Amino acid sequence: MEDFAGAYLARKSDIFALPRNQDHAVAIFHLGGIAIECRLKAMLLAYHRIADWNLPSQRIGDNLHGLIIKNPSHDLLKSIQNMPALNAIAMSDSYFFGHIENIKRPLGSTNSDYISLRYIPDTQQTISTWQYSFNYINQWLQQNNRIIL
């Protein structure tokens, strides 16, 4: 089984090890998306009290209790939607989904997602807006981590 919590911490560390300039923007966006993906996957498994994918949710009282929880792959929104209690809080935050979209598609809504960025040699997209979204999502997940317990 993958160590999603450990991968989150390692990819987050990788982001901050890279110099903050345009030469590394694509790598920062790519690794940052992976970091958020790993954090959400770790939370999703903990939320449903399962140790691996394709097992039924053990979260008593949840809408998904007893249903098979599948790996959401790179779909950040699916990860959140698969945690109904957390999703309800996200729905009440008028900024959350905009920031998730910035992480998912750092070059804009009609461009490649954070996974496909590995095929892009460079970008003129500034890091500052993305960094604000990355920090927002990280802080939001930390503040709402109590929901998964």
C-alpha atoms as a PDB file:
ATOM      1  CA  MET A   1       0.000   0.000   0.000  1.00  0.00           C
ATOM      2  CA  GLU A   2       1.233   3.455  -0.854  1.00  0.00           C
ATOM      3  CA  ASP A   3       2.279   5.795   1.939  1.00  0.00           C
ATOM      4  CA  PHE A   4       0.172   8.771   0.905  1.00  0.00           C
ATOM      5  CA  ALA A   5       0.856  10.773   4.072  1.00  0.00           C
ATOM      6  CA  GLY A   6       4.600  10.274   3.671  1.00  0.00           C
ATOM      7  CA  ALA A   7       4.447  11.094  -0.043  1.00  0.00           C
ATOM      8  CA  TYR A   8       2.528  14.292   0.747  1.00  0.00           C
ATOM      9  CA  LEU A   9       5.242  15.438   3.150  1.00  0.00           C
ATOM     10  CA  ALA A  10       8.046  14.485   0.748  1.00  0.00           C
ATOM     11  CA  ARG A  11       6.490  16.228  -2.282  1.00  0.00           C
ATOM     12  CA  LYS A  12       5.715  19.315  -0.178  1.00  0.00           C
ATOM     13  CA  SER A  13       9.359  19.353   0.911  1.00  0.00           C
ATOM     14  CA  ASP A  14      10.437  18.990  -2.736  1.00  0.00           C
ATOM     15  CA  ILE A  15       8.391  22.048  -3.690  1.00  0.00           C
ATOM     16  CA  PHE A  16      10.081  24.229  -1.115  1.00  0.00           C
ATOM     17  CA  ALA A  17      13.525  22.884  -2.024  1.00  0.00           C
ATOM     18  CA  LEU A  18      13.175  24.246  -5.557  1.00  0.00           C
ATOM     19  CA  PRO A  19      14.190  27.858  -6.193  1.00  0.00           C
ATOM     20  CA  ARG A  20      11.168  30.125  -6.470  1.00  0.00           C
ATOM     21  CA  ASN A  21      11.608  31.295 -10.043  1.00  0.00           C
ATOM     22  CA  GLN A  22      10.038  30.731 -13.442  1.00  0.00           C
ATOM     23  CA  ASP A  23      12.657  28.108 -14.329  1.00  0.00           C
ATOM     24  CA  HIS A  24      11.009  25.756 -11.838  1.00  0.00           C
ATOM     25  CA  ALA A  25       7.359  26.801 -12.082  1.00  0.00           C
ATOM     26  CA  VAL A  26       6.222  23.707 -13.994  1.00  0.00           C
ATOM     27  CA  ALA A  27       7.938  21.380 -11.508  1.00  0.00           C
ATOM     28  CA  ILE A  28       6.479  23.282  -8.564  1.00  0.00           C
ATOM     29  CA  PHE A  29       2.956  23.149 -10.022  1.00  0.00           C
ATOM     30  CA  HIS A  30       3.303  19.454 -10.879  1.00  0.00           C
ATOM     31  CA  LEU A  31       4.746  18.384  -7.522  1.00  0.00           C
ATOM     32  CA  GLY A  32       2.316  20.611  -5.633  1.00  0.00           C
ATOM     33  CA  GLY A  33      -0.658  18.968  -7.310  1.00  0.00           C
ATOM     34  CA  ILE A  34       0.760  15.560  -6.468  1.00  0.00           C
ATOM     35  CA  ALA A  35       1.272  16.671  -2.853  1.00  0.00           C
ATOM     36  CA  ILE A  36      -2.385  17.757  -2.527  1.00  0.00           C
ATOM     37  CA  GLU A  37      -3.526  14.559  -4.248  1.00  0.00           C
ATOM     38  CA  CYS A  38      -1.550  12.454  -1.758  1.00  0.00           C
ATOM     39  CA  ARG A  39      -2.879  14.430   1.208  1.00  0.00           C
ATOM     40  CA  LEU A  40      -6.454  13.938   0.031  1.00  0.00           C
ATOM     41  CA  LYS A  41      -5.917  10.206  -0.554  1.00  0.00           C
ATOM     42  CA  ALA A  42      -4.475   9.782   2.943  1.00  0.00           C
ATOM     43  CA  MET A  43      -7.466  11.645   4.355  1.00  0.00           C
ATOM     44  CA  LEU A  44      -9.907   9.599   2.245  1.00  0.00           C
ATOM     45  CA  LEU A  45      -8.575   6.290   3.557  1.00  0.00           C
ATOM     46  CA  ALA A  46      -8.602   7.573   7.146  1.00  0.00           C
ATOM     47  CA  TYR A  47     -12.080   9.049   6.724  1.00  0.00           C
ATOM     48  CA  HIS A  48     -13.526   5.703   5.683  1.00  0.00           C
ATOM     49  CA  ARG A  49     -11.388   3.776   8.183  1.00  0.00           C
ATOM     50  CA  ILE A  50      -9.919   1.496   5.547  1.00  0.00           C
ATOM     51  CA  ALA A  51      -6.315   0.525   4.871  1.00  0.00           C
ATOM     52  CA  ASP A  52      -6.570  -0.011   1.114  1.00  0.00           C
ATOM     53  CA  TRP A  53      -8.745   0.775  -1.894  1.00  0.00           C
ATOM     54  CA  ASN A  54     -11.685  -1.345  -3.031  1.00  0.00           C
ATOM     55  CA  LEU A  55     -12.820  -2.044   0.511  1.00  0.00           C
ATOM     56  CA  PRO A  56     -16.192  -1.028   1.947  1.00  0.00           C
ATOM     57  CA  SER A  57     -16.322   2.163   3.983  1.00  0.00           C
ATOM     58  CA  GLN A  58     -16.297   1.493   7.713  1.00  0.00           C
ATOM     59  CA  ARG A  59     -17.450   5.005   8.615  1.00  0.00           C
ATOM     60  CA  ILE A  60     -20.691   4.372  10.457  1.00  0.00           C
ATOM     61  CA  GLY A  61     -23.366   6.943   9.762  1.00  0.00           C
ATOM     62  CA  ASP A  62     -21.751   8.184   6.556  1.00  0.00           C
ATOM     63  CA  ASN A  63     -23.640   8.170   3.243  1.00  0.00           C
ATOM     64  CA  LEU A  64     -20.959   5.885   1.795  1.00  0.00           C
ATOM     65  CA  HIS A  65     -20.858   3.425   4.713  1.00  0.00           C
ATOM     66  CA  GLY A  66     -20.619  -0.120   3.377  1.00  0.00           C
ATOM     67  CA  LEU A  67     -19.895   1.003  -0.184  1.00  0.00           C
ATOM     68  CA  ILE A  68     -16.633   0.175  -1.935  1.00  0.00           C
ATOM     69  CA  ILE A  69     -14.162   3.068  -1.850  1.00  0.00           C
ATOM     70  CA  LYS A  70     -12.116   3.245  -5.028  1.00  0.00           C
ATOM     71  CA  ASN A  71      -8.875   5.075  -5.674  1.00  0.00           C
ATOM     72  CA  PRO A  72      -9.910   8.459  -7.096  1.00  0.00           C
ATOM     73  CA  SER A  73      -6.712   8.551  -9.176  1.00  0.00           C
ATOM     74  CA  HIS A  74      -5.801  12.187  -9.935  1.00  0.00           C
ATOM     75  CA  ASP A  75      -9.334  13.531  -9.444  1.00  0.00           C
ATOM     76  CA  LEU A  76      -9.014  15.972  -6.548  1.00  0.00           C
ATOM     77  CA  LEU A  77     -12.728  16.793  -6.578  1.00  0.00           C
ATOM     78  CA  LYS A  78     -13.679  13.108  -6.457  1.00  0.00           C
ATOM     79  CA  SER A  79     -11.449  12.680  -3.396  1.00  0.00           C
ATOM     80  CA  ILE A  80     -13.313  15.458  -1.620  1.00  0.00           C
ATOM     81  CA  GLN A  81     -16.749  14.298  -2.783  1.00  0.00           C
ATOM     82  CA  ASN A  82     -15.983  10.825  -1.426  1.00  0.00           C
ATOM     83  CA  MET A  83     -15.760  12.352   2.051  1.00  0.00           C
ATOM     84  CA  PRO A  84     -19.333  13.681   2.383  1.00  0.00           C
ATOM     85  CA  ALA A  85     -18.801  15.409   5.744  1.00  0.00           C
ATOM     86  CA  LEU A  86     -15.708  17.209   4.441  1.00  0.00           C
ATOM     87  CA  ASN A  87     -17.394  17.988   1.124  1.00  0.00           C
ATOM     88  CA  ALA A  88     -20.273  19.669   2.958  1.00  0.00           C
ATOM     89  CA  ILE A  89     -17.808  22.018   4.662  1.00  0.00           C
ATOM     90  CA  ALA A  90     -16.038  22.666   1.348  1.00  0.00           C
ATOM     91  CA  MET A  91     -19.380  23.549  -0.258  1.00  0.00           C
ATOM     92  CA  SER A  92     -19.896  26.258   2.349  1.00  0.00           C
ATOM     93  CA  ASP A  93     -16.493  27.839   1.611  1.00  0.00           C
ATOM     94  CA  SER A  94     -16.844  30.194  -1.338  1.00  0.00           C
ATOM     95  CA  TYR A  95     -13.087  30.097  -2.026  1.00  0.00           C
ATOM     96  CA  PHE A  96     -12.235  26.422  -1.622  1.00  0.00           C
ATOM     97  CA  PHE A  97     -13.167  25.084  -5.051  1.00  0.00           C
ATOM     98  CA  GLY A  98     -11.511  28.002  -6.848  1.00  0.00           C
ATOM     99  CA  HIS A  99      -8.271  27.201  -5.063  1.00  0.00           C
ATOM    100  CA  ILE A 100      -8.630  23.489  -5.845  1.00  0.00           C
ATOM    101  CA  GLU A 101      -9.075  24.445  -9.500  1.00  0.00           C
ATOM    102  CA  ASN A 102      -5.851  26.507  -9.340  1.00  0.00           C
ATOM    103  CA  ILE A 103      -4.023  23.440  -8.023  1.00  0.00           C
ATOM    104  CA  LYS A 104      -5.653  21.163 -10.572  1.00  0.00           C
ATOM    105  CA  ARG A 105      -5.082  23.463 -13.566  1.00  0.00           C
ATOM    106  CA  PRO A 106      -2.374  25.972 -12.649  1.00  0.00           C
ATOM    107  CA  LEU A 107      -2.092  27.280 -16.215  1.00  0.00           C
ATOM    108  CA  GLY A 108      -5.811  28.024 -16.477  1.00  0.00           C
ATOM    109  CA  SER A 109      -9.035  26.096 -16.852  1.00  0.00           C
ATOM    110  CA  THR A 110      -8.521  25.285 -20.537  1.00  0.00           C
ATOM    111  CA  ASN A 111      -4.936  24.042 -20.112  1.00  0.00           C
ATOM    112  CA  SER A 112      -3.283  20.856 -18.907  1.00  0.00           C
ATOM    113  CA  ASP A 113      -3.911  19.548 -15.424  1.00  0.00           C
ATOM    114  CA  TYR A 114      -1.111  19.204 -12.875  1.00  0.00           C
ATOM    115  CA  ILE A 115      -0.347  15.638 -13.998  1.00  0.00           C
ATOM    116  CA  SER A 116      -0.008  16.512 -17.697  1.00  0.00           C
ATOM    117  CA  LEU A 117       2.293  19.425 -16.916  1.00  0.00           C
ATOM    118  CA  ARG A 118       5.205  16.993 -16.988  1.00  0.00           C
ATOM    119  CA  TYR A 119       5.041  17.280 -20.781  1.00  0.00           C
ATOM    120  CA  ILE A 120       5.292  21.089 -20.808  1.00  0.00           C
ATOM    121  CA  PRO A 121       8.844  22.480 -20.936  1.00  0.00           C
ATOM    122  CA  ASP A 122       8.091  25.869 -19.359  1.00  0.00           C
ATOM    123  CA  THR A 123       5.434  28.440 -18.569  1.00  0.00           C
ATOM    124  CA  GLN A 124       5.074  32.157 -18.042  1.00  0.00           C
ATOM    125  CA  GLN A 125       2.428  31.541 -15.366  1.00  0.00           C
ATOM    126  CA  THR A 126       3.591  33.161 -12.139  1.00  0.00           C
ATOM    127  CA  ILE A 127       4.089  31.081  -9.039  1.00  0.00           C
ATOM    128  CA  SER A 128       2.549  33.577  -6.589  1.00  0.00           C
ATOM    129  CA  THR A 129      -1.137  32.942  -7.389  1.00  0.00           C
ATOM    130  CA  TRP A 130      -0.618  29.196  -7.379  1.00  0.00           C
ATOM    131  CA  GLN A 131       1.344  29.414  -4.108  1.00  0.00           C
ATOM    132  CA  TYR A 132      -1.518  31.297  -2.474  1.00  0.00           C
ATOM    133  CA  SER A 133      -3.935  28.536  -3.529  1.00  0.00           C
ATOM    134  CA  PHE A 134      -1.534  25.816  -2.381  1.00  0.00           C
ATOM    135  CA  ASN A 135      -1.192  27.444   1.042  1.00  0.00           C
ATOM    136  CA  TYR A 136      -4.956  27.984   1.282  1.00  0.00           C
ATOM    137  CA  ILE A 137      -5.759  24.336   0.507  1.00  0.00           C
ATOM    138  CA  ASN A 138      -3.084  23.045   2.886  1.00  0.00           C
ATOM    139  CA  GLN A 139      -4.335  25.240   5.723  1.00  0.00           C
ATOM    140  CA  TRP A 140      -7.956  24.377   4.977  1.00  0.00           C
ATOM    141  CA  LEU A 141      -7.222  20.641   5.027  1.00  0.00           C
ATOM    142  CA  GLN A 142      -5.280  21.008   8.275  1.00  0.00           C
ATOM    143  CA  GLN A 143      -8.106  22.970   9.911  1.00  0.00           C
ATOM    144  CA  ASN A 144     -10.708  20.466   8.775  1.00  0.00           C
ATOM    145  CA  ASN A 145      -8.675  17.334   9.447  1.00  0.00           C
ATOM    146  CA  ARG A 146     -10.796  16.802  12.575  1.00  0.00           C
ATOM    147  CA  ILE A 147     -13.703  15.840  10.288  1.00  0.00           C
ATOM    148  CA  ILE A 148     -11.984  12.628   9.228  1.00  0.00           C
ATOM    149  CA  LEU A 149     -11.321  11.412  12.765  1.00  0.00           C
END
